[in-house]
C-alpha atoms as a PDB file:
ATOM      1  CA  MET A   1     104.034  61.880  85.337  1.00  0.00           C
ATOM      2  CA  ASN A   2     104.758  63.429  88.794  1.00  0.00           C
ATOM      3  CA  GLY A   3     103.865  66.933  87.627  1.00  0.00           C
ATOM      4  CA  ASP A   4     100.782  69.156  86.215  1.00  0.00           C
ATOM      5  CA  SER A   5      99.292  67.289  83.546  1.00  0.00           C
ATOM      6  CA  ASP A   6      98.309  70.796  81.759  1.00  0.00           C
ATOM      7  CA  HIS A   7     101.412  72.649  82.953  1.00  0.00           C
ATOM      8  CA  ARG A   8     102.221  73.385  79.377  1.00  0.00           C
ATOM      9  CA  SER A   9      99.130  75.623  78.939  1.00  0.00           C
ATOM     10  CA  SER A  10     100.116  77.864  81.511  1.00  0.00           C
ATOM     11  CA  SER A  11     102.353  80.921  81.129  1.00  0.00           C
ATOM     12  CA  ASP A  12     104.353  83.449  82.724  1.00  0.00           C
ATOM     13  CA  SER A  13     102.925  86.319  80.743  1.00  0.00           C
ATOM     14  CA  VAL A  14     100.569  87.908  83.325  1.00  0.00           C
ATOM     15  CA  SER A  15     103.451  87.880  85.941  1.00  0.00           C
ATOM     16  CA  TRP A  16     105.666  89.785  83.638  1.00  0.00           C
ATOM     17  CA  ALA A  17     102.982  92.249  83.108  1.00  0.00           C
ATOM     18  CA  VAL A  18     102.765  92.809  86.808  1.00  0.00           C
ATOM     19  CA  VAL A  19     106.608  93.281  87.219  1.00  0.00           C
ATOM     20  CA  ALA A  20     106.492  95.676  84.180  1.00  0.00           C
ATOM     21  CA  ALA A  21     103.356  97.518  85.633  1.00  0.00           C
ATOM     22  CA  LEU A  22     104.999  98.108  89.381  1.00  0.00           C
ATOM     23  CA  ILE A  23     108.250  99.211  87.195  1.00  0.00           C
ATOM     24  CA  ALA A  24     106.348 101.561  85.169  1.00  0.00           C
ATOM     25  CA  ALA A  25     104.522 103.039  88.419  1.00  0.00           C
ATOM     26  CA  VAL A  26     108.132 103.540  90.138  1.00  0.00           C
ATOM     27  CA  ALA A  27     109.026 105.371  87.042  1.00  0.00           C
ATOM     28  CA  ILE A  28     105.885 107.788  87.088  1.00  0.00           C
ATOM     29  CA  VAL A  29     106.085 108.516  90.815  1.00  0.00           C
ATOM     30  CA  GLU A  30     109.712 109.336  90.479  1.00  0.00           C
ATOM     31  CA  PHE A  31     109.145 111.524  87.586  1.00  0.00           C
ATOM     32  CA  GLN A  32     106.334 113.463  89.539  1.00  0.00           C
ATOM     33  CA  SER A  33     108.070 113.519  92.836  1.00  0.00           C
ATOM     34  CA  PRO A  34     111.858 112.345  92.463  1.00  0.00           C
ATOM     35  CA  LEU A  35     113.622 110.351  95.290  1.00  0.00           C
ATOM     36  CA  PRO A  36     116.917 109.484  93.859  1.00  0.00           C
ATOM     37  CA  ILE A  37     117.578 105.550  94.205  1.00  0.00           C
ATOM     38  CA  ALA A  38     121.514 104.367  94.856  1.00  0.00           C
ATOM     39  CA  ILE A  39     122.597 103.203  91.822  1.00  0.00           C
ATOM     40  CA  GLY A  40     125.079 100.878  93.712  1.00  0.00           C
ATOM     41  CA  SER A  41     122.267  99.334  95.526  1.00  0.00           C
ATOM     42  CA  LEU A  42     121.042  98.030  92.065  1.00  0.00           C
ATOM     43  CA  LEU A  43     124.199  96.262  91.301  1.00  0.00           C
ATOM     44  CA  ASN A  44     123.364  92.848  92.876  1.00  0.00           C
ATOM     45  CA  LEU A  45     119.821  92.999  91.663  1.00  0.00           C
ATOM     46  CA  ILE A  46     120.834  93.304  88.016  1.00  0.00           C
ATOM     47  CA  LEU A  47     123.320  90.951  88.385  1.00  0.00           C
ATOM     48  CA  ALA A  48     121.254  88.212  89.787  1.00  0.00           C
ATOM     49  CA  CYS A  49     118.471  88.928  87.414  1.00  0.00           C
ATOM     50  CA  THR A  50     120.824  88.951  84.488  1.00  0.00           C
ATOM     51  CA  ALA A  51     122.067  85.528  85.314  1.00  0.00           C
ATOM     52  CA  LEU A  52     118.928  83.840  86.056  1.00  0.00           C
ATOM     53  CA  LEU A  53     117.187  85.123  82.966  1.00  0.00           C
ATOM     54  CA  GLY A  54     120.301  84.142  81.225  1.00  0.00           C
ATOM     55  CA  ALA A  55     120.246  80.745  82.554  1.00  0.00           C
ATOM     56  CA  ALA A  56     116.547  80.586  81.770  1.00  0.00           C
ATOM     57  CA  VAL A  57     117.110  81.368  78.032  1.00  0.00           C
ATOM     58  CA  PHE A  58     119.674  78.663  77.942  1.00  0.00           C
ATOM     59  CA  TYR A  59     117.638  76.201  79.350  1.00  0.00           C
ATOM     60  CA  ALA A  60     114.841  76.916  77.309  1.00  0.00           C
ATOM     61  CA  ARG A  61     116.470  77.210  74.012  1.00  0.00           C
ATOM     62  CA  VAL A  62     119.851  75.589  74.110  1.00  0.00           C
ATOM     63  CA  ARG A  63     120.122  72.654  76.497  1.00  0.00           C
ATOM     64  CA  VAL A  64     116.124  72.258  76.731  1.00  0.00           C
ATOM     65  CA  ASN A  65     115.127  71.716  80.614  1.00  0.00           C
ATOM     66  CA  GLU A  66     112.033  73.373  80.960  1.00  0.00           C
ATOM     67  CA  ARG A  67     111.768  72.505  85.071  1.00  0.00           C
ATOM     68  CA  PHE A  68     114.986  74.629  85.513  1.00  0.00           C
ATOM     69  CA  SER A  69     114.347  77.394  83.365  1.00  0.00           C
ATOM     70  CA  ALA A  70     110.900  77.667  85.076  1.00  0.00           C
ATOM     71  CA  CYS A  71     112.678  77.705  88.620  1.00  0.00           C
ATOM     72  CA  CYS A  72     115.000  80.566  87.158  1.00  0.00           C
ATOM     73  CA  ILE A  73     112.533  82.653  85.868  1.00  0.00           C
ATOM     74  CA  GLY A  74     110.501  82.268  88.828  1.00  0.00           C
ATOM     75  CA  LEU A  75     113.342  83.369  91.184  1.00  0.00           C
ATOM     76  CA  SER A  76     114.052  86.447  88.814  1.00  0.00           C
ATOM     77  CA  GLN A  77     110.463  87.577  89.066  1.00  0.00           C
ATOM     78  CA  ALA A  78     110.512  87.410  92.620  1.00  0.00           C
ATOM     79  CA  LEU A  79     113.697  89.440  92.782  1.00  0.00           C
ATOM     80  CA  LEU A  80     112.208  91.957  90.467  1.00  0.00           C
ATOM     81  CA  PHE A  81     108.842  92.358  92.254  1.00  0.00           C
ATOM     82  CA  SER A  82     110.348  92.403  95.454  1.00  0.00           C
ATOM     83  CA  ALA A  83     112.918  95.475  94.416  1.00  0.00           C
ATOM     84  CA  ALA A  84     109.911  97.251  92.554  1.00  0.00           C
ATOM     85  CA  GLY A  85     107.364  96.885  95.102  1.00  0.00           C
ATOM     86  CA  SER A  86     109.922  97.871  98.086  1.00  0.00           C
ATOM     87  CA  ILE A  87     110.583 101.132  95.990  1.00  0.00           C
ATOM     88  CA  LEU A  88     106.894 101.896  95.300  1.00  0.00           C
ATOM     89  CA  SER A  89     105.941 101.353  98.736  1.00  0.00           C
ATOM     90  CA  TYR A  90     108.574 103.906 100.268  1.00  0.00           C
ATOM     91  CA  LEU A  91     107.412 106.317  97.421  1.00  0.00           C
ATOM     92  CA  LEU A  92     103.915 106.287  98.297  1.00  0.00           C
ATOM     93  CA  ALA A  93     104.472 106.439 101.906  1.00  0.00           C
ATOM     94  CA  ARG A  94     105.288 110.316 101.399  1.00  0.00           C
ATOM     95  CA  GLY A  95     101.635 110.989 100.660  1.00  0.00           C
ATOM     96  CA  GLY A  96      99.872 108.887 103.372  1.00  0.00           C
ATOM     97  CA  GLY A  97      97.649 110.884 105.781  1.00  0.00           C
ATOM     98  CA  GLY A  98      97.137 110.652 109.449  1.00  0.00           C
ATOM     99  CA  LEU A  99      98.146 107.407 111.464  1.00  0.00           C
ATOM    100  CA  TRP A 100      95.683 104.755 111.609  1.00  0.00           C
ATOM    101  CA  ASP A 101      97.091 102.768 114.659  1.00  0.00           C
ATOM    102  CA  GLU A 102      94.477 103.900 117.013  1.00  0.00           C
ATOM    103  CA  THR A 103      91.634 102.710 114.588  1.00  0.00           C
ATOM    104  CA  LEU A 104      93.449  99.345 114.052  1.00  0.00           C
ATOM    105  CA  THR A 105      93.474  98.862 117.617  1.00  0.00           C
ATOM    106  CA  ARG A 106      90.066  99.719 118.238  1.00  0.00           C
ATOM    107  CA  TRP A 107      89.303  96.952 115.305  1.00  0.00           C
ATOM    108  CA  ASP A 108      91.195  94.501 117.096  1.00  0.00           C
ATOM    109  CA  ARG A 109      89.467  94.897 120.558  1.00  0.00           C
ATOM    110  CA  THR A 110      86.147  95.075 118.569  1.00  0.00           C
ATOM    111  CA  LEU A 111      87.396  91.358 117.647  1.00  0.00           C
ATOM    112  CA  GLY A 112      88.179  90.762 120.731  1.00  0.00           C
ATOM    113  CA  PHE A 113      91.944  90.467 120.247  1.00  0.00           C
ATOM    114  CA  ASP A 114      94.218  92.108 123.112  1.00  0.00           C
ATOM    115  CA  TRP A 115      97.684  92.256 121.154  1.00  0.00           C
ATOM    116  CA  LEU A 116      99.624  93.026 124.154  1.00  0.00           C
ATOM    117  CA  ALA A 117      98.228  89.919 126.049  1.00  0.00           C
ATOM    118  CA  TYR A 118      99.291  87.755 123.083  1.00  0.00           C
ATOM    119  CA  ALA A 119     102.652  89.052 122.802  1.00  0.00           C
ATOM    120  CA  PHE A 120     103.248  88.362 126.509  1.00  0.00           C
ATOM    121  CA  ALA A 121     101.608  84.660 126.437  1.00  0.00           C
ATOM    122  CA  VAL A 122     104.225  83.908 123.641  1.00  0.00           C
ATOM    123  CA  ASP A 123     107.166  85.691 125.414  1.00  0.00           C
ATOM    124  CA  SER A 124     106.337  83.742 128.681  1.00  0.00           C
ATOM    125  CA  GLN A 125     107.658  80.394 126.721  1.00  0.00           C
ATOM    126  CA  ALA A 126     111.106  80.942 125.270  1.00  0.00           C
ATOM    127  CA  TRP A 127     110.629  77.724 123.061  1.00  0.00           C
ATOM    128  CA  ALA A 128     107.304  79.208 121.555  1.00  0.00           C
ATOM    129  CA  ALA A 129     109.375  82.808 120.890  1.00  0.00           C
ATOM    130  CA  LEU A 130     112.194  81.053 119.380  1.00  0.00           C
ATOM    131  CA  ALA A 131     109.845  79.251 117.100  1.00  0.00           C
ATOM    132  CA  PHE A 132     107.571  82.174 115.993  1.00  0.00           C
ATOM    133  CA  ARG A 133     110.709  84.244 115.351  1.00  0.00           C
ATOM    134  CA  LEU A 134     112.614  81.544 113.189  1.00  0.00           C
ATOM    135  CA  CYS A 135     109.358  81.149 111.464  1.00  0.00           C
ATOM    136  CA  TYR A 136     108.864  84.744 110.969  1.00  0.00           C
ATOM    137  CA  GLU A 137     112.192  85.471 109.404  1.00  0.00           C
ATOM    138  CA  SER A 138     112.173  82.344 107.351  1.00  0.00           C
ATOM    139  CA  LEU A 139     109.342  83.793 105.014  1.00  0.00           C
ATOM    140  CA  ILE A 140     112.012  84.428 102.181  1.00  0.00           C
ATOM    141  CA  PRO A 141     113.770  81.040 102.545  1.00  0.00           C
ATOM    142  CA  GLN A 142     109.997  79.383 102.422  1.00  0.00           C
ATOM    143  CA  THR A 143     109.736  81.240  99.135  1.00  0.00           C
ATOM    144  CA  VAL A 144     112.822  79.820  97.477  1.00  0.00           C
ATOM    145  CA  VAL A 145     111.889  76.452  98.744  1.00  0.00           C
ATOM    146  CA  VAL A 146     108.475  76.658  97.253  1.00  0.00           C
ATOM    147  CA  ILE A 147     109.692  78.033  93.705  1.00  0.00           C
ATOM    148  CA  LEU A 148     112.480  75.054  93.629  1.00  0.00           C
ATOM    149  CA  ALA A 149     110.113  72.275  94.949  1.00  0.00           C
ATOM    150  CA  LEU A 150     107.125  73.266  92.438  1.00  0.00           C
ATOM    151  CA  GLY A 151     109.895  73.861  89.441  1.00  0.00           C
ATOM    152  CA  PHE A 152     111.742  70.673  89.806  1.00  0.00           C
ATOM    153  CA  SER A 153     108.788  68.518  90.546  1.00  0.00           C
ATOM    154  CA  GLY A 154     107.411  69.659  87.459  1.00  0.00           C
ATOM    155  CA  ARG A 155     104.505  71.279  88.697  1.00  0.00           C
ATOM    156  CA  LEU A 156     104.767  74.537  86.615  1.00  0.00           C
ATOM    157  CA  GLU A 157     101.414  75.531  86.400  1.00  0.00           C
ATOM    158  CA  LYS A 158     101.191  75.497  90.360  1.00  0.00           C
ATOM    159  CA  LEU A 159     104.803  77.380  90.433  1.00  0.00           C
ATOM    160  CA  ARG A 160     103.282  80.159  88.087  1.00  0.00           C
ATOM    161  CA  THR A 161     100.247  80.424  90.233  1.00  0.00           C
ATOM    162  CA  PHE A 162     102.358  80.890  93.243  1.00  0.00           C
ATOM    163  CA  ILE A 163     104.218  83.464  91.900  1.00  0.00           C
ATOM    164  CA  LEU A 164     101.469  85.479  90.256  1.00  0.00           C
ATOM    165  CA  ALA A 165      99.276  85.358  93.646  1.00  0.00           C
ATOM    166  CA  ALA A 166     102.369  86.423  95.538  1.00  0.00           C
ATOM    167  CA  MET A 167     102.661  89.483  93.247  1.00  0.00           C
ATOM    168  CA  LEU A 168      98.993  90.048  92.969  1.00  0.00           C
ATOM    169  CA  SER A 169      98.403  90.297  96.790  1.00  0.00           C
ATOM    170  CA  GLY A 170     101.830  92.222  97.108  1.00  0.00           C
ATOM    171  CA  SER A 171     100.701  94.769  94.412  1.00  0.00           C
ATOM    172  CA  ILE A 172      97.362  95.543  96.135  1.00  0.00           C
ATOM    173  CA  ALA A 173      98.899  95.865  99.631  1.00  0.00           C
ATOM    174  CA  VAL A 174     101.591  98.410  98.398  1.00  0.00           C
ATOM    175  CA  LEU A 175      98.566 100.272  96.604  1.00  0.00           C
ATOM    176  CA  LEU A 176      96.262 100.213  99.459  1.00  0.00           C
ATOM    177  CA  SER A 177      99.297 101.065 102.300  1.00  0.00           C
ATOM    178  CA  PRO A 178      99.028 104.834 101.822  1.00  0.00           C
ATOM    179  CA  LEU A 179      95.409 104.708 102.572  1.00  0.00           C
ATOM    180  CA  PHE A 180      96.160 103.131 105.866  1.00  0.00           C
ATOM    181  CA  PRO A 181      99.610 104.279 107.168  1.00  0.00           C
ATOM    182  CA  ALA A 182     100.692 103.025 110.835  1.00  0.00           C
ATOM    183  CA  VAL A 183     103.583 102.286 112.766  1.00  0.00           C
ATOM    184  CA  GLY A 184     102.508  99.138 114.221  1.00  0.00           C
ATOM    185  CA  ASN A 185     102.085  98.101 118.060  1.00  0.00           C
ATOM    186  CA  PHE A 186     105.759  98.184 119.462  1.00  0.00           C
ATOM    187  CA  ALA A 187     106.123 102.125 118.248  1.00  0.00           C
ATOM    188  CA  PHE A 188     102.373 103.038 119.247  1.00  0.00           C
ATOM    189  CA  LEU A 189     102.430 101.589 122.554  1.00  0.00           C
ATOM    190  CA  ASP A 190     105.947 102.994 122.821  1.00  0.00           C
ATOM    191  CA  LEU A 191     107.384  99.686 123.892  1.00  0.00           C
ATOM    192  CA  ASN A 192     111.252  98.760 124.027  1.00  0.00           C
ATOM    193  CA  HIS A 193     113.427  95.896 124.530  1.00  0.00           C
ATOM    194  CA  SER A 194     113.088  95.860 128.584  1.00  0.00           C
ATOM    195  CA  ALA A 195     109.136  95.082 128.490  1.00  0.00           C
ATOM    196  CA  PHE A 196     110.062  91.525 127.260  1.00  0.00           C
ATOM    197  CA  ALA A 197     112.456  88.625 127.801  1.00  0.00           C
ATOM    198  CA  HIS A 198     112.235  87.199 124.522  1.00  0.00           C
ATOM    199  CA  VAL A 199     109.895  88.881 122.247  1.00  0.00           C
ATOM    200  CA  TRP A 200     110.999  92.057 119.908  1.00  0.00           C
ATOM    201  CA  GLN A 201     109.952  93.132 116.696  1.00  0.00           C
ATOM    202  CA  SER A 202     112.393  91.625 114.066  1.00  0.00           C
ATOM    203  CA  SER A 203     113.387  94.587 112.458  1.00  0.00           C
ATOM    204  CA  ASP A 204     114.378  96.156 115.768  1.00  0.00           C
ATOM    205  CA  LEU A 205     112.416  98.847 114.587  1.00  0.00           C
ATOM    206  CA  ALA A 206     114.339 100.154 111.461  1.00  0.00           C
ATOM    207  CA  ASP A 207     110.923  99.743 109.611  1.00  0.00           C
ATOM    208  CA  VAL A 208     109.368 102.341 111.825  1.00  0.00           C
ATOM    209  CA  ARG A 209     112.385 104.735 111.497  1.00  0.00           C
ATOM    210  CA  ASP A 210     112.165 104.500 107.604  1.00  0.00           C
ATOM    211  CA  PHE A 211     108.571 104.689 107.393  1.00  0.00           C
ATOM    212  CA  LEU A 212     108.635 108.147 109.706  1.00  0.00           C
ATOM    213  CA  ALA A 213     111.660 109.445 107.956  1.00  0.00           C
ATOM    214  CA  VAL A 214     110.162 109.110 104.304  1.00  0.00           C
ATOM    215  CA  ARG A 215     107.037 110.395 105.764  1.00  0.00           C
ATOM    216  CA  ARG A 216     108.648 113.544 106.954  1.00  0.00           C
ATOM    217  CA  GLY A 217     110.901 114.296 103.886  1.00  0.00           C
ATOM    218  CA  GLY A 218     114.045 112.933 105.935  1.00  0.00           C
ATOM    219  CA  MET A 219     115.027 110.523 103.714  1.00  0.00           C
ATOM    220  CA  ALA A 220     117.254 111.788 100.738  1.00  0.00           C
ATOM    221  CA  THR A 221     118.217 108.511  98.956  1.00  0.00           C
ATOM    222  CA  LEU A 222     116.540 105.024  98.666  1.00  0.00           C
ATOM    223  CA  ASP A 223     119.086 102.162  99.208  1.00  0.00           C
ATOM    224  CA  LEU A 224     117.875  98.701  98.211  1.00  0.00           C
ATOM    225  CA  ARG A 225     120.451  97.078 100.493  1.00  0.00           C
ATOM    226  CA  ASN A 226     118.665  98.764 103.486  1.00  0.00           C
ATOM    227  CA  MET A 227     115.029  98.871 102.799  1.00  0.00           C
ATOM    228  CA  GLN A 228     112.391  97.539 105.246  1.00  0.00           C
ATOM    229  CA  GLY A 229     108.947  96.357 104.948  1.00  0.00           C
ATOM    230  CA  ILE A 230     107.161  99.328 105.962  1.00  0.00           C
ATOM    231  CA  ILE A 231     103.590  98.184 105.301  1.00  0.00           C
ATOM    232  CA  VAL A 232     101.415  97.664 108.132  1.00  0.00           C
ATOM    233  CA  PHE A 233      97.949  97.387 106.935  1.00  0.00           C
ATOM    234  CA  PRO A 234      97.421  95.041 105.135  1.00  0.00           C
ATOM    235  CA  SER A 235      99.994  92.668 106.230  1.00  0.00           C
ATOM    236  CA  TYR A 236     102.074  91.441 103.167  1.00  0.00           C
ATOM    237  CA  HIS A 237     103.794  88.951 105.605  1.00  0.00           C
ATOM    238  CA  GLY A 238     100.343  87.474 106.374  1.00  0.00           C
ATOM    239  CA  ALA A 239      99.231  87.628 102.738  1.00  0.00           C
ATOM    240  CA  LEU A 240     102.595  86.010 101.480  1.00  0.00           C
ATOM    241  CA  ALA A 241     102.710  83.384 104.251  1.00  0.00           C
ATOM    242  CA  THR A 242      99.177  82.227 103.390  1.00  0.00           C
ATOM    243  CA  VAL A 243     100.135  82.201  99.415  1.00  0.00           C
ATOM    244  CA  THR A 244     103.217  79.935 100.586  1.00  0.00           C
ATOM    245  CA  LEU A 245     100.758  77.675 102.578  1.00  0.00           C
ATOM    246  CA  TRP A 246      98.866  77.380  99.760  1.00  0.00           C
ATOM    247  CA  ALA A 247     101.833  76.339  97.592  1.00  0.00           C
ATOM    248  CA  PHE A 248     103.077  73.746 100.395  1.00  0.00           C
ATOM    249  CA  TRP A 249      99.648  72.173 100.368  1.00  0.00           C
ATOM    250  CA  LYS A 250      99.741  71.997  96.618  1.00  0.00           C
ATOM    251  CA  SER A 251     103.199  70.663  96.044  1.00  0.00           C
ATOM    252  CA  GLY A 252     102.127  66.989  96.090  1.00  0.00           C
ATOM    253  CA  LEU A 253     105.062  66.303  98.172  1.00  0.00           C
ATOM    254  CA  ARG A 254     103.847  64.843 101.677  1.00  0.00           C
ATOM    255  CA  TRP A 255     106.980  65.712 103.374  1.00  0.00           C
ATOM    256  CA  LEU A 256     106.972  69.364 102.270  1.00  0.00           C
ATOM    257  CA  ARG A 257     103.173  69.664 102.820  1.00  0.00           C
ATOM    258  CA  CYS A 258     103.664  68.410 106.456  1.00  0.00           C
ATOM    259  CA  ILE A 259     106.735  70.649 107.508  1.00  0.00           C
ATOM    260  CA  GLY A 260     106.141  73.461 105.152  1.00  0.00           C
ATOM    261  CA  GLY A 261     102.702  73.966 106.114  1.00  0.00           C
ATOM    262  CA  ALA A 262     103.412  74.050 109.953  1.00  0.00           C
ATOM    263  CA  ILE A 263     106.287  76.697 109.113  1.00  0.00           C
ATOM    264  CA  ALA A 264     103.723  78.820 107.218  1.00  0.00           C
ATOM    265  CA  LEU A 265     101.181  78.340 109.656  1.00  0.00           C
ATOM    266  CA  THR A 266     103.387  79.246 112.605  1.00  0.00           C
ATOM    267  CA  THR A 267     104.365  82.300 110.354  1.00  0.00           C
ATOM    268  CA  ILE A 268     101.325  83.927 110.092  1.00  0.00           C
ATOM    269  CA  ALA A 269     100.728  83.257 113.860  1.00  0.00           C
ATOM    270  CA  ALA A 270     104.079  84.989 114.672  1.00  0.00           C
ATOM    271  CA  THR A 271     103.394  87.907 112.548  1.00  0.00           C
ATOM    272  CA  PRO A 272     101.475  89.888 114.815  1.00  0.00           C
ATOM    273  CA  VAL A 273     104.278  89.264 117.527  1.00  0.00           C
ATOM    274  CA  PHE A 274     107.448  89.808 115.654  1.00  0.00           C
ATOM    275  CA  GLY A 275     106.056  92.134 112.977  1.00  0.00           C
ATOM    276  CA  GLY A 276     104.173  94.130 115.232  1.00  0.00           C
ATOM    277  CA  HIS A 277     101.249  93.726 113.402  1.00  0.00           C
ATOM    278  CA  TYR A 278      97.434  94.117 114.477  1.00  0.00           C
ATOM    279  CA  LEU A 279      95.267  91.185 114.048  1.00  0.00           C
ATOM    280  CA  VAL A 280      93.063  92.975 111.212  1.00  0.00           C
ATOM    281  CA  ASP A 281      96.317  93.427 109.390  1.00  0.00           C
ATOM    282  CA  VAL A 282      96.908  89.810 109.054  1.00  0.00           C
ATOM    283  CA  ILE A 283      93.176  89.205 108.692  1.00  0.00           C
ATOM    284  CA  ALA A 284      93.312  91.565 105.524  1.00  0.00           C
ATOM    285  CA  GLY A 285      96.665  90.045 104.310  1.00  0.00           C
ATOM    286  CA  ILE A 286      94.928  86.460 104.452  1.00  0.00           C
ATOM    287  CA  GLY A 287      91.921  87.919 102.664  1.00  0.00           C
ATOM    288  CA  LEU A 288      94.194  89.353  99.992  1.00  0.00           C
ATOM    289  CA  ALA A 289      95.875  86.252  99.622  1.00  0.00           C
ATOM    290  CA  VAL A 290      92.896  84.084  99.167  1.00  0.00           C
ATOM    291  CA  ALA A 291      91.632  86.561  96.400  1.00  0.00           C
ATOM    292  CA  SER A 292      94.955  86.847  94.692  1.00  0.00           C
ATOM    293  CA  ILE A 293      95.090  82.732  94.576  1.00  0.00           C
ATOM    294  CA  ALA A 294      91.568  82.770  93.033  1.00  0.00           C
ATOM    295  CA  ALA A 295      92.330  85.109  90.225  1.00  0.00           C
ATOM    296  CA  ALA A 296      96.130  83.513  89.594  1.00  0.00           C
ATOM    297  CA  ARG A 297      94.304  80.348  89.056  1.00  0.00           C
ATOM    298  CA  ARG A 298      92.563  81.729  86.346  1.00  0.00           C
ATOM    299  CA  LEU A 299      95.184  84.660  84.979  1.00  0.00           C
ATOM    300  CA  VAL A 300      97.983  82.064  84.785  1.00  0.00           C
ATOM    301  CA  PHE A 301      96.378  80.520  81.496  1.00  0.00           C
ATOM    302  CA  LEU A 302      96.050  84.018  79.996  1.00  0.00           C
ATOM    303  CA  ARG A 303      98.918  85.163  77.673  1.00  0.00           C
ATOM    304  CA  VAL A 304      99.576  88.927  77.636  1.00  0.00           C
ATOM    305  CA  PRO A 305     100.515  90.224  74.111  1.00  0.00           C
ATOM    306  CA  LEU A 306     103.857  91.826  74.030  1.00  0.00           C
ATOM    307  CA  PRO A 307     104.109  93.218  70.495  1.00  0.00           C
ATOM    308  CA  ALA A 308     106.771  96.083  71.553  1.00  0.00           C
ATOM    309  CA  ILE A 309     109.092  93.420  72.573  1.00  0.00           C
ATOM    310  CA  ARG A 310     108.671  90.859  69.732  1.00  0.00           C
ATOM    311  CA  ALA A 311     112.157  89.567  69.543  1.00  0.00           C
ATOM    312  CA  TRP A 312     112.556  89.526  73.432  1.00  0.00           C
ATOM    313  CA  PRO A 313     114.767  86.052  73.887  1.00  0.00           C
ATOM    314  CA  PHE A 314     112.367  85.127  76.635  1.00  0.00           C
ATOM    315  CA  ARG A 315     109.215  85.030  74.325  1.00  0.00           C
ATOM    316  CA  ARG A 316     110.730  81.806  72.886  1.00  0.00           C
ATOM    317  CA  SER A 317     110.745  80.559  76.539  1.00  0.00           C
ATOM    318  CA  HIS A 318     107.325  81.077  76.862  1.00  0.00           C
ATOM    319  CA  GLU A 319     106.327  79.216  73.666  1.00  0.00           C
ATOM    320  CA  VAL A 320     108.653  76.276  74.575  1.00  0.00           C
ATOM    321  CA  PHE A 321     106.725  76.006  77.524  1.00  0.00           C
ATOM    322  CA  ALA A 322     103.287  76.494  75.938  1.00  0.00           C
ATOM    323  CA  ARG A 323     103.859  73.966  72.995  1.00  0.00           C
END
């Protein structure tokens, strides 16, 4: 068999619990301090998750194909987590204190890292800047490739571990972010397009504008279609790229290990440049990822009891996988 020998003992239940906890946190914060969410922006999310979860149930209960069902569950969890985590990061950013950019810069200098020199070094080589940009902007496609590769190859334990580790590191990053609010190097150093030939922040500073707007109370509505990654420290881009690197390495597919691993490593290296992150942001993200992977490798074998939704159809899909 090409897949995990013990994949049937792993479970999605902790991942679903994390998703539920994030959604509950959003509801609690919204109740205490409302910031309207554009209902129309939720439509595509609802449609996509409905289709994916419907397919997961169909291939778990009717035309049994646990690999395809696991892929659908993993993709739906990733979508729901991304939406809930993004919304929560915006809501929590409203309560942040003073900016930490000066402190983060000082920490970088203590480590001997000169961000501007690094950015100019990448900018001096057009091919390097292009490679860095493409890898940095490919993190979501990398995530999809990992889910499909692990799922269709039958490595369901690794798939569930990957999803759970990504969620754990992302959740911690979101919860820590209001303690270390920052705008990142491009905005802190007051740089613009003219400073570089090939390098510029991937979001064109849209994330900084959103971050400052929500902090100042100038954002009237949250729209999922336009939301940005506004967290600087710790870097979730660095954390997710590290979890993805681990998943590529554990894929068991030599070509994917080599190509995917190289892309994930380049993504980590590109995060300070095209994300405007400080080196300490990325180091903190990597640390989160390592800890989350270690925790997920144990938690993926737990089953969280869900008595209130005993009739939920997806419970049966868990039972199919567990037998």
